[in-house]
Amino acid sequence: MTKDECKQAVLEIIADIAPDEDLGHLKHDARLRDQLQLDSMDFLDIVMELRKRHGIEVPESDYQQLASLDSCADYLTPKFTAQGK
């Protein structure tokens, strides 16, 4: 999976969790929580959906790696590749 595909997968999860958010104008290098109305439960839902949909475990110590779309892609792309996705 490419970094762009990884970003798309994260955006699909966010769209399901926060359907009222406008994801079309997100800055990929800015913190998601600064751009969207995501609370800590929403963030945990994102982590849980990554596990449920893609089999990717994100330990709590790595949560800061999911701050922006760019950092999500940097962190998750190798995990998707390891999963063969």
N, C-alpha and C. Protein backbone atom coordinates (compact mmCIF):
# COMPACT_ATOMS: atom_id res chain seq x y z
N MET A 1 0.85 -1.18 0.00
CA MET A 1 0.00 0.00 0.00
C MET A 1 0.89 1.24 0.00
N THR A 2 0.55 2.20 -0.85
CA THR A 2 1.31 3.45 -0.91
C THR A 2 0.90 4.37 0.23
N LYS A 3 1.68 5.42 0.43
CA LYS A 3 1.32 6.40 1.46
C LYS A 3 -0.02 7.06 1.15
N ASP A 4 -0.28 7.35 -0.11
CA ASP A 4 -1.57 7.96 -0.47
C ASP A 4 -2.73 7.02 -0.20
N GLU A 5 -2.54 5.74 -0.48
CA GLU A 5 -3.59 4.75 -0.18
C GLU A 5 -3.80 4.62 1.32
N CYS A 6 -2.73 4.72 2.06
CA CYS A 6 -2.81 4.67 3.51
C CYS A 6 -3.59 5.87 4.04
N LYS A 7 -3.30 7.05 3.51
CA LYS A 7 -4.05 8.25 3.91
C LYS A 7 -5.52 8.09 3.59
N GLN A 8 -5.82 7.53 2.44
CA GLN A 8 -7.21 7.31 2.05
C GLN A 8 -7.91 6.36 3.01
N ALA A 9 -7.22 5.32 3.43
CA ALA A 9 -7.80 4.36 4.38
C ALA A 9 -8.12 5.05 5.71
N VAL A 10 -7.22 5.92 6.17
CA VAL A 10 -7.45 6.66 7.41
C VAL A 10 -8.62 7.62 7.23
N LEU A 11 -8.68 8.30 6.09
CA LEU A 11 -9.79 9.22 5.83
C LEU A 11 -11.13 8.49 5.79
N GLU A 12 -11.15 7.29 5.24
CA GLU A 12 -12.39 6.51 5.20
C GLU A 12 -12.86 6.17 6.62
N ILE A 13 -11.93 5.85 7.49
CA ILE A 13 -12.28 5.56 8.88
C ILE A 13 -12.80 6.82 9.55
N ILE A 14 -12.12 7.95 9.35
CA ILE A 14 -12.57 9.20 9.96
C ILE A 14 -13.95 9.57 9.44
N ALA A 15 -14.19 9.38 8.16
CA ALA A 15 -15.49 9.71 7.59
C ALA A 15 -16.60 8.89 8.22
N ASP A 16 -16.32 7.64 8.56
CA ASP A 16 -17.31 6.80 9.22
C ASP A 16 -17.53 7.22 10.67
N ILE A 17 -16.46 7.63 11.34
CA ILE A 17 -16.55 8.00 12.75
C ILE A 17 -17.13 9.39 12.94
N ALA A 18 -16.78 10.30 12.05
CA ALA A 18 -17.23 11.69 12.15
C ALA A 18 -17.83 12.11 10.80
N PRO A 19 -19.03 11.60 10.48
CA PRO A 19 -19.60 11.83 9.15
C PRO A 19 -19.92 13.30 8.83
N ASP A 20 -20.03 14.14 9.83
CA ASP A 20 -20.35 15.54 9.58
C ASP A 20 -19.13 16.40 9.28
N GLU A 21 -17.95 15.84 9.43
CA GLU A 21 -16.72 16.60 9.19
C GLU A 21 -16.45 16.73 7.70
N ASP A 22 -15.96 17.91 7.29
CA ASP A 22 -15.55 18.15 5.91
C ASP A 22 -14.07 17.76 5.78
N LEU A 23 -13.82 16.65 5.15
CA LEU A 23 -12.45 16.14 5.05
C LEU A 23 -11.73 16.63 3.80
N GLY A 24 -12.41 17.36 2.95
CA GLY A 24 -11.84 17.80 1.70
C GLY A 24 -10.77 18.86 1.82
N HIS A 25 -10.74 19.56 2.94
CA HIS A 25 -9.79 20.68 3.08
C HIS A 25 -8.73 20.42 4.14
N LEU A 26 -8.52 19.16 4.48
CA LEU A 26 -7.54 18.85 5.52
C LEU A 26 -6.12 19.12 5.03
N LYS A 27 -5.34 19.71 5.89
CA LYS A 27 -3.91 19.85 5.63
C LYS A 27 -3.25 18.57 6.11
N HIS A 28 -2.49 17.95 5.26
CA HIS A 28 -1.93 16.64 5.57
C HIS A 28 -0.82 16.69 6.60
N ASP A 29 -0.23 17.87 6.81
CA ASP A 29 0.87 17.97 7.77
C ASP A 29 0.45 18.60 9.09
N ALA A 30 -0.84 18.92 9.26
CA ALA A 30 -1.34 19.53 10.49
C ALA A 30 -2.05 18.48 11.34
N ARG A 31 -2.02 18.69 12.63
CA ARG A 31 -2.66 17.73 13.55
C ARG A 31 -4.14 17.59 13.24
N LEU A 32 -4.60 16.36 13.15
CA LEU A 32 -6.01 16.09 12.85
C LEU A 32 -6.91 16.68 13.93
N ARG A 33 -6.53 16.55 15.18
CA ARG A 33 -7.37 17.05 16.26
C ARG A 33 -7.48 18.57 16.25
N ASP A 34 -6.52 19.26 15.65
CA ASP A 34 -6.60 20.72 15.52
C ASP A 34 -7.53 21.13 14.38
N GLN A 35 -7.73 20.22 13.42
CA GLN A 35 -8.53 20.54 12.24
C GLN A 35 -9.96 20.00 12.32
N LEU A 36 -10.16 18.98 13.11
CA LEU A 36 -11.45 18.31 13.20
C LEU A 36 -11.95 18.30 14.63
N GLN A 37 -13.21 18.10 14.79
CA GLN A 37 -13.80 18.02 16.13
C GLN A 37 -13.73 16.57 16.63
N LEU A 38 -12.51 16.09 16.80
CA LEU A 38 -12.30 14.72 17.28
C LEU A 38 -11.92 14.76 18.75
N ASP A 39 -12.62 13.98 19.55
CA ASP A 39 -12.24 13.88 20.95
C ASP A 39 -11.44 12.59 21.16
N SER A 40 -11.07 12.33 22.38
CA SER A 40 -10.23 11.16 22.65
C SER A 40 -10.95 9.85 22.31
N MET A 41 -12.26 9.81 22.49
CA MET A 41 -13.01 8.59 22.14
C MET A 41 -13.02 8.38 20.62
N ASP A 42 -13.14 9.47 19.86
CA ASP A 42 -13.07 9.36 18.40
C ASP A 42 -11.70 8.81 17.98
N PHE A 43 -10.66 9.31 18.62
CA PHE A 43 -9.32 8.85 18.29
C PHE A 43 -9.18 7.36 18.59
N LEU A 44 -9.69 6.93 19.73
CA LEU A 44 -9.65 5.50 20.06
C LEU A 44 -10.44 4.68 19.05
N ASP A 45 -11.56 5.24 18.57
CA ASP A 45 -12.34 4.56 17.54
C ASP A 45 -11.52 4.38 16.27
N ILE A 46 -10.72 5.37 15.92
CA ILE A 46 -9.86 5.27 14.74
C ILE A 46 -8.87 4.11 14.92
N VAL A 47 -8.25 4.06 16.09
CA VAL A 47 -7.28 2.99 16.38
C VAL A 47 -7.97 1.63 16.33
N MET A 48 -9.17 1.54 16.89
CA MET A 48 -9.90 0.27 16.90
C MET A 48 -10.30 -0.15 15.48
N GLU A 49 -10.69 0.81 14.66
CA GLU A 49 -11.06 0.50 13.28
C GLU A 49 -9.86 0.06 12.46
N LEU A 50 -8.69 0.63 12.72
CA LEU A 50 -7.47 0.17 12.05
C LEU A 50 -7.24 -1.31 12.34
N ARG A 51 -7.48 -1.70 13.59
CA ARG A 51 -7.31 -3.11 13.96
C ARG A 51 -8.39 -3.97 13.33
N LYS A 52 -9.63 -3.50 13.41
CA LYS A 52 -10.76 -4.30 12.91
C LYS A 52 -10.72 -4.46 11.39
N ARG A 53 -10.50 -3.38 10.68
CA ARG A 53 -10.55 -3.41 9.21
C ARG A 53 -9.28 -3.93 8.57
N HIS A 54 -8.14 -3.63 9.21
CA HIS A 54 -6.86 -3.90 8.54
C HIS A 54 -5.91 -4.78 9.34
N GLY A 55 -6.31 -5.17 10.55
CA GLY A 55 -5.45 -6.03 11.36
C GLY A 55 -4.20 -5.35 11.88
N ILE A 56 -4.25 -4.02 11.98
CA ILE A 56 -3.07 -3.27 12.42
C ILE A 56 -3.25 -2.84 13.88
N GLU A 57 -2.32 -3.27 14.70
CA GLU A 57 -2.30 -2.91 16.11
C GLU A 57 -1.45 -1.65 16.29
N VAL A 58 -2.00 -0.68 17.01
CA VAL A 58 -1.25 0.53 17.33
C VAL A 58 -1.16 0.61 18.85
N PRO A 59 0.02 0.36 19.41
CA PRO A 59 0.15 0.44 20.86
C PRO A 59 -0.02 1.88 21.34
N GLU A 60 -0.50 2.02 22.55
CA GLU A 60 -0.76 3.35 23.10
C GLU A 60 0.48 4.24 23.05
N SER A 61 1.64 3.66 23.22
CA SER A 61 2.88 4.44 23.18
C SER A 61 3.15 5.05 21.81
N ASP A 62 2.46 4.56 20.77
CA ASP A 62 2.65 5.08 19.41
C ASP A 62 1.53 6.00 18.94
N TYR A 63 0.56 6.28 19.79
CA TYR A 63 -0.58 7.11 19.38
C TYR A 63 -0.15 8.45 18.79
N GLN A 64 0.92 9.04 19.32
CA GLN A 64 1.36 10.35 18.81
C GLN A 64 1.79 10.27 17.35
N GLN A 65 2.09 9.06 16.86
CA GLN A 65 2.47 8.87 15.46
C GLN A 65 1.29 9.06 14.51
N LEU A 66 0.08 9.12 15.07
CA LEU A 66 -1.13 9.27 14.25
C LEU A 66 -1.69 10.68 14.32
N ALA A 67 -0.86 11.65 14.61
CA ALA A 67 -1.33 13.02 14.81
C ALA A 67 -1.84 13.68 13.53
N SER A 68 -1.15 13.50 12.43
CA SER A 68 -1.54 14.12 11.16
C SER A 68 -1.68 13.03 10.10
N LEU A 69 -2.25 13.39 8.96
CA LEU A 69 -2.34 12.40 7.88
C LEU A 69 -0.95 11.96 7.41
N ASP A 70 -0.03 12.93 7.32
CA ASP A 70 1.33 12.57 6.90
C ASP A 70 1.99 11.61 7.89
N SER A 71 1.84 11.90 9.19
CA SER A 71 2.47 11.02 10.17
C SER A 71 1.77 9.66 10.22
N CYS A 72 0.46 9.65 9.98
CA CYS A 72 -0.27 8.38 9.88
C CYS A 72 0.32 7.54 8.74
N ALA A 73 0.52 8.16 7.60
CA ALA A 73 1.05 7.45 6.44
C ALA A 73 2.46 6.94 6.71
N ASP A 74 3.29 7.78 7.32
CA ASP A 74 4.66 7.36 7.63
C ASP A 74 4.67 6.17 8.58
N TYR A 75 3.79 6.19 9.57
CA TYR A 75 3.75 5.13 10.57
C TYR A 75 3.05 3.88 10.06
N LEU A 76 1.94 4.05 9.36
CA LEU A 76 1.10 2.91 9.00
C LEU A 76 1.51 2.20 7.70
N THR A 77 2.09 2.91 6.75
CA THR A 77 2.42 2.30 5.46
C THR A 77 3.25 1.03 5.62
N PRO A 78 4.32 1.04 6.43
CA PRO A 78 5.08 -0.21 6.60
C PRO A 78 4.23 -1.32 7.25
N LYS A 79 3.31 -0.94 8.11
CA LYS A 79 2.45 -1.95 8.75
C LYS A 79 1.46 -2.56 7.74
N PHE A 80 0.91 -1.71 6.85
CA PHE A 80 0.05 -2.23 5.80
C PHE A 80 0.84 -3.16 4.89
N THR A 81 2.07 -2.78 4.55
CA THR A 81 2.92 -3.59 3.69
C THR A 81 3.22 -4.93 4.34
N ALA A 82 3.48 -4.91 5.64
CA ALA A 82 3.75 -6.15 6.35
C ALA A 82 2.53 -7.06 6.39
N GLN A 83 1.33 -6.44 6.36
CA GLN A 83 0.09 -7.20 6.36
C GLN A 83 -0.24 -7.72 4.96
N GLY A 84 0.49 -7.23 3.96
CA GLY A 84 0.24 -7.65 2.59
C GLY A 84 -0.95 -6.94 1.98
N LYS A 85 -1.27 -5.75 2.49
CA LYS A 85 -2.42 -4.99 1.98
C LYS A 85 -2.00 -3.99 0.95
